[in-house]
N, C-alpha and C. Protein backbone atom coordinates (compact mmCIF):
# COMPACT_ATOMS: atom_id res chain seq x y z
N MET A 1 106.12 92.30 26.73
CA MET A 1 104.81 91.75 27.01
C MET A 1 104.77 90.24 26.72
N LYS A 2 105.45 89.82 25.65
CA LYS A 2 105.49 88.40 25.31
C LYS A 2 106.21 87.60 26.39
N LYS A 3 107.26 88.19 26.97
CA LYS A 3 108.01 87.50 28.02
C LYS A 3 107.13 87.29 29.24
N ILE A 4 106.34 88.26 29.59
CA ILE A 4 105.45 88.13 30.76
C ILE A 4 104.41 87.04 30.50
N ALA A 5 103.86 87.02 29.29
CA ALA A 5 102.88 85.99 28.94
C ALA A 5 103.49 84.60 28.98
N LEU A 6 104.72 84.47 28.51
CA LEU A 6 105.42 83.18 28.54
C LEU A 6 105.71 82.75 29.97
N ILE A 7 106.11 83.69 30.80
CA ILE A 7 106.38 83.37 32.20
C ILE A 7 105.11 82.92 32.90
N ILE A 8 104.01 83.61 32.66
CA ILE A 8 102.73 83.24 33.27
C ILE A 8 102.29 81.86 32.77
N ALA A 9 102.41 81.60 31.48
CA ALA A 9 102.01 80.30 30.92
C ALA A 9 102.89 79.18 31.48
N PHE A 10 104.19 79.43 31.57
CA PHE A 10 105.10 78.43 32.11
C PHE A 10 104.79 78.15 33.58
N SER A 11 104.54 79.20 34.33
CA SER A 11 104.20 79.04 35.76
C SER A 11 102.92 78.24 35.92
N PHE A 12 101.93 78.53 35.10
CA PHE A 12 100.67 77.81 35.15
C PHE A 12 100.89 76.33 34.86
N CYS A 13 101.72 76.02 33.86
CA CYS A 13 102.01 74.62 33.52
C CYS A 13 102.70 73.91 34.69
N LEU A 14 103.64 74.57 35.33
CA LEU A 14 104.32 73.97 36.48
C LEU A 14 103.34 73.70 37.62
N ILE A 15 102.47 74.64 37.87
CA ILE A 15 101.47 74.46 38.94
C ILE A 15 100.56 73.29 38.61
N MET A 16 100.11 73.19 37.39
CA MET A 16 99.21 72.10 36.99
C MET A 16 99.92 70.75 37.10
N ILE A 17 101.17 70.69 36.72
CA ILE A 17 101.92 69.44 36.85
C ILE A 17 102.03 69.04 38.31
N PHE A 18 102.34 70.01 39.17
CA PHE A 18 102.47 69.73 40.60
C PHE A 18 101.14 69.26 41.19
N VAL A 19 100.06 69.95 40.88
CA VAL A 19 98.75 69.61 41.45
C VAL A 19 98.28 68.24 40.99
N THR A 20 98.43 67.93 39.72
CA THR A 20 97.95 66.64 39.23
C THR A 20 98.85 65.49 39.65
N SER A 21 100.13 65.75 39.89
CA SER A 21 101.01 64.67 40.30
C SER A 21 100.84 64.32 41.78
N CYS A 22 100.29 65.22 42.57
CA CYS A 22 100.10 64.97 44.01
C CYS A 22 98.82 64.19 44.29
N LYS A 23 97.93 64.18 43.35
CA LYS A 23 96.66 63.49 43.54
C LYS A 23 96.86 61.99 43.29
N PRO A 24 96.43 61.12 44.25
CA PRO A 24 96.61 59.68 44.02
C PRO A 24 95.76 59.21 42.84
N SER A 25 96.27 58.22 42.15
CA SER A 25 95.54 57.69 41.01
C SER A 25 94.26 57.01 41.49
N GLU A 26 93.33 56.84 40.57
CA GLU A 26 92.06 56.20 40.92
C GLU A 26 92.26 54.76 41.38
N ALA A 27 93.24 54.07 40.78
CA ALA A 27 93.53 52.69 41.17
C ALA A 27 93.99 52.62 42.62
N ILE A 28 94.81 53.56 43.03
CA ILE A 28 95.29 53.58 44.41
C ILE A 28 94.16 53.98 45.35
N ALA A 29 93.40 54.98 44.97
CA ALA A 29 92.32 55.48 45.82
C ALA A 29 91.21 54.44 46.01
N SER A 30 91.05 53.52 45.07
CA SER A 30 89.96 52.54 45.16
C SER A 30 90.34 51.29 45.95
N LYS A 31 91.59 51.20 46.42
CA LYS A 31 92.01 50.02 47.18
C LYS A 31 91.31 49.95 48.53
N THR A 32 91.04 48.73 48.95
CA THR A 32 90.41 48.52 50.25
C THR A 32 91.48 48.53 51.34
N GLY A 33 91.02 48.62 52.59
CA GLY A 33 91.93 48.57 53.72
C GLY A 33 92.68 47.26 53.77
N ALA A 34 92.00 46.17 53.42
CA ALA A 34 92.66 44.85 53.42
C ALA A 34 93.77 44.80 52.38
N GLN A 35 93.53 45.37 51.21
CA GLN A 35 94.56 45.38 50.17
C GLN A 35 95.76 46.21 50.60
N ILE A 36 95.50 47.39 51.13
CA ILE A 36 96.58 48.27 51.57
C ILE A 36 97.39 47.60 52.68
N TRP A 37 96.69 47.00 53.63
CA TRP A 37 97.34 46.30 54.75
C TRP A 37 98.20 45.16 54.23
N GLY A 38 97.64 44.35 53.34
CA GLY A 38 98.36 43.20 52.80
C GLY A 38 99.57 43.59 51.97
N GLU A 39 99.49 44.69 51.24
CA GLU A 39 100.59 45.11 50.38
C GLU A 39 101.70 45.82 51.14
N ASN A 40 101.37 46.47 52.24
CA ASN A 40 102.36 47.31 52.91
C ASN A 40 102.98 46.68 54.14
N CYS A 41 102.21 46.05 54.98
CA CYS A 41 102.72 45.57 56.26
C CYS A 41 103.76 44.47 56.09
N VAL A 42 103.56 43.61 55.12
CA VAL A 42 104.48 42.48 54.94
C VAL A 42 105.79 42.88 54.28
N ARG A 43 105.91 44.11 53.86
CA ARG A 43 107.19 44.56 53.28
C ARG A 43 108.31 44.56 54.32
N CYS A 44 107.94 44.83 55.58
CA CYS A 44 108.97 44.98 56.61
C CYS A 44 108.89 43.94 57.73
N HIS A 45 107.73 43.35 57.93
CA HIS A 45 107.57 42.38 59.02
C HIS A 45 106.39 41.47 58.75
N ASN A 46 106.27 40.43 59.53
CA ASN A 46 105.11 39.55 59.42
C ASN A 46 103.89 40.32 59.89
N ALA A 47 102.85 40.28 59.10
CA ALA A 47 101.63 41.00 59.47
C ALA A 47 100.90 40.23 60.55
N ALA A 48 100.51 40.94 61.59
CA ALA A 48 99.76 40.32 62.68
C ALA A 48 98.33 40.06 62.23
N SER A 49 97.71 39.09 62.83
CA SER A 49 96.30 38.83 62.56
C SER A 49 95.49 40.05 62.99
N PRO A 50 94.45 40.42 62.24
CA PRO A 50 93.64 41.56 62.64
C PRO A 50 93.02 41.41 64.04
N ALA A 51 92.87 40.18 64.51
CA ALA A 51 92.28 39.96 65.83
C ALA A 51 93.31 40.06 66.96
N THR A 52 94.55 40.34 66.63
CA THR A 52 95.62 40.37 67.62
C THR A 52 95.47 41.51 68.63
N PHE A 53 95.07 42.68 68.16
CA PHE A 53 95.02 43.86 69.02
C PHE A 53 93.60 44.42 69.12
N SER A 54 93.40 45.25 70.13
CA SER A 54 92.11 45.92 70.32
C SER A 54 91.98 47.06 69.31
N ASP A 55 90.80 47.65 69.23
CA ASP A 55 90.58 48.77 68.32
C ASP A 55 91.53 49.93 68.61
N VAL A 56 91.70 50.24 69.87
CA VAL A 56 92.58 51.35 70.27
C VAL A 56 94.02 51.03 69.91
N GLU A 57 94.45 49.81 70.18
CA GLU A 57 95.83 49.42 69.86
C GLU A 57 96.09 49.48 68.35
N TRP A 58 95.10 49.06 67.54
CA TRP A 58 95.27 49.13 66.09
C TRP A 58 95.36 50.58 65.63
N GLU A 59 94.58 51.45 66.23
CA GLU A 59 94.63 52.86 65.83
C GLU A 59 96.01 53.44 66.12
N VAL A 60 96.54 53.17 67.30
CA VAL A 60 97.88 53.67 67.66
C VAL A 60 98.93 53.10 66.71
N ALA A 61 98.88 51.80 66.47
CA ALA A 61 99.86 51.16 65.59
C ALA A 61 99.77 51.71 64.17
N ALA A 62 98.55 51.88 63.68
CA ALA A 62 98.37 52.36 62.31
C ALA A 62 98.86 53.80 62.15
N ARG A 63 98.61 54.63 63.15
CA ARG A 63 99.09 56.02 63.08
C ARG A 63 100.62 56.06 63.07
N HIS A 64 101.23 55.20 63.84
CA HIS A 64 102.69 55.12 63.84
C HIS A 64 103.18 54.62 62.47
N MET A 65 102.54 53.59 61.96
CA MET A 65 102.98 53.01 60.70
C MET A 65 102.65 53.91 59.50
N GLN A 66 101.70 54.82 59.66
CA GLN A 66 101.41 55.77 58.59
C GLN A 66 102.67 56.54 58.22
N ILE A 67 103.39 56.94 59.24
CA ILE A 67 104.64 57.67 59.01
C ILE A 67 105.71 56.74 58.48
N ARG A 68 105.87 55.60 59.11
CA ARG A 68 106.94 54.66 58.73
C ARG A 68 106.74 54.09 57.32
N ALA A 69 105.49 53.79 56.96
CA ALA A 69 105.20 53.17 55.66
C ALA A 69 104.83 54.19 54.59
N ASN A 70 104.84 55.47 54.98
CA ASN A 70 104.52 56.55 54.04
C ASN A 70 103.12 56.38 53.42
N LEU A 71 102.14 56.14 54.28
CA LEU A 71 100.76 55.99 53.84
C LEU A 71 100.04 57.33 53.92
N THR A 72 99.06 57.52 53.06
CA THR A 72 98.24 58.72 53.15
C THR A 72 97.25 58.57 54.31
N THR A 73 96.64 59.66 54.69
CA THR A 73 95.63 59.62 55.76
C THR A 73 94.46 58.73 55.34
N ASP A 74 94.05 58.83 54.09
CA ASP A 74 92.95 58.01 53.58
C ASP A 74 93.30 56.53 53.64
N GLU A 75 94.51 56.18 53.22
CA GLU A 75 94.94 54.78 53.27
C GLU A 75 94.96 54.28 54.72
N THR A 76 95.47 55.10 55.62
CA THR A 76 95.55 54.72 57.03
C THR A 76 94.16 54.50 57.61
N GLU A 77 93.23 55.37 57.29
CA GLU A 77 91.84 55.22 57.78
C GLU A 77 91.23 53.92 57.28
N LYS A 78 91.48 53.58 56.03
CA LYS A 78 90.95 52.33 55.47
C LYS A 78 91.55 51.12 56.19
N VAL A 79 92.84 51.16 56.46
CA VAL A 79 93.51 50.06 57.16
C VAL A 79 92.95 49.92 58.57
N ILE A 80 92.79 51.04 59.27
CA ILE A 80 92.24 51.01 60.63
C ILE A 80 90.85 50.40 60.63
N LYS A 81 89.99 50.82 59.73
CA LYS A 81 88.63 50.26 59.66
C LYS A 81 88.66 48.77 59.40
N PHE A 82 89.54 48.34 58.49
CA PHE A 82 89.65 46.91 58.21
C PHE A 82 90.09 46.14 59.43
N LEU A 83 91.15 46.60 60.09
CA LEU A 83 91.69 45.88 61.26
C LEU A 83 90.69 45.88 62.41
N GLN A 84 90.01 46.97 62.63
CA GLN A 84 89.04 47.04 63.71
C GLN A 84 87.79 46.20 63.44
N SER A 85 87.52 45.94 62.18
CA SER A 85 86.33 45.13 61.84
C SER A 85 86.51 43.69 62.26
N ALA A 86 87.75 43.27 62.53
CA ALA A 86 88.01 41.89 62.95
C ALA A 86 87.76 41.69 64.45
N ASN A 87 87.61 42.76 65.19
CA ASN A 87 87.39 42.66 66.64
C ASN A 87 85.92 42.56 67.00
């Protein structure tokens, strides 16, 4: 019986570690689209002016870069809103 209780407790601890580690920190979640754009786009190339592309073009580019830059959906949405606000 003690072994089963230990296994259940250990499993619960592993699940809690996994769940809490997957959640972005408050500092990351509170970043604006401009901050995310500025920190990520220039890592690999010169960042284009937000006025360079249309709203649709920015959406396509951002969805592509979400995968390439390993951005979350929330981060990508913030970047898209920021870039589209310049048009």
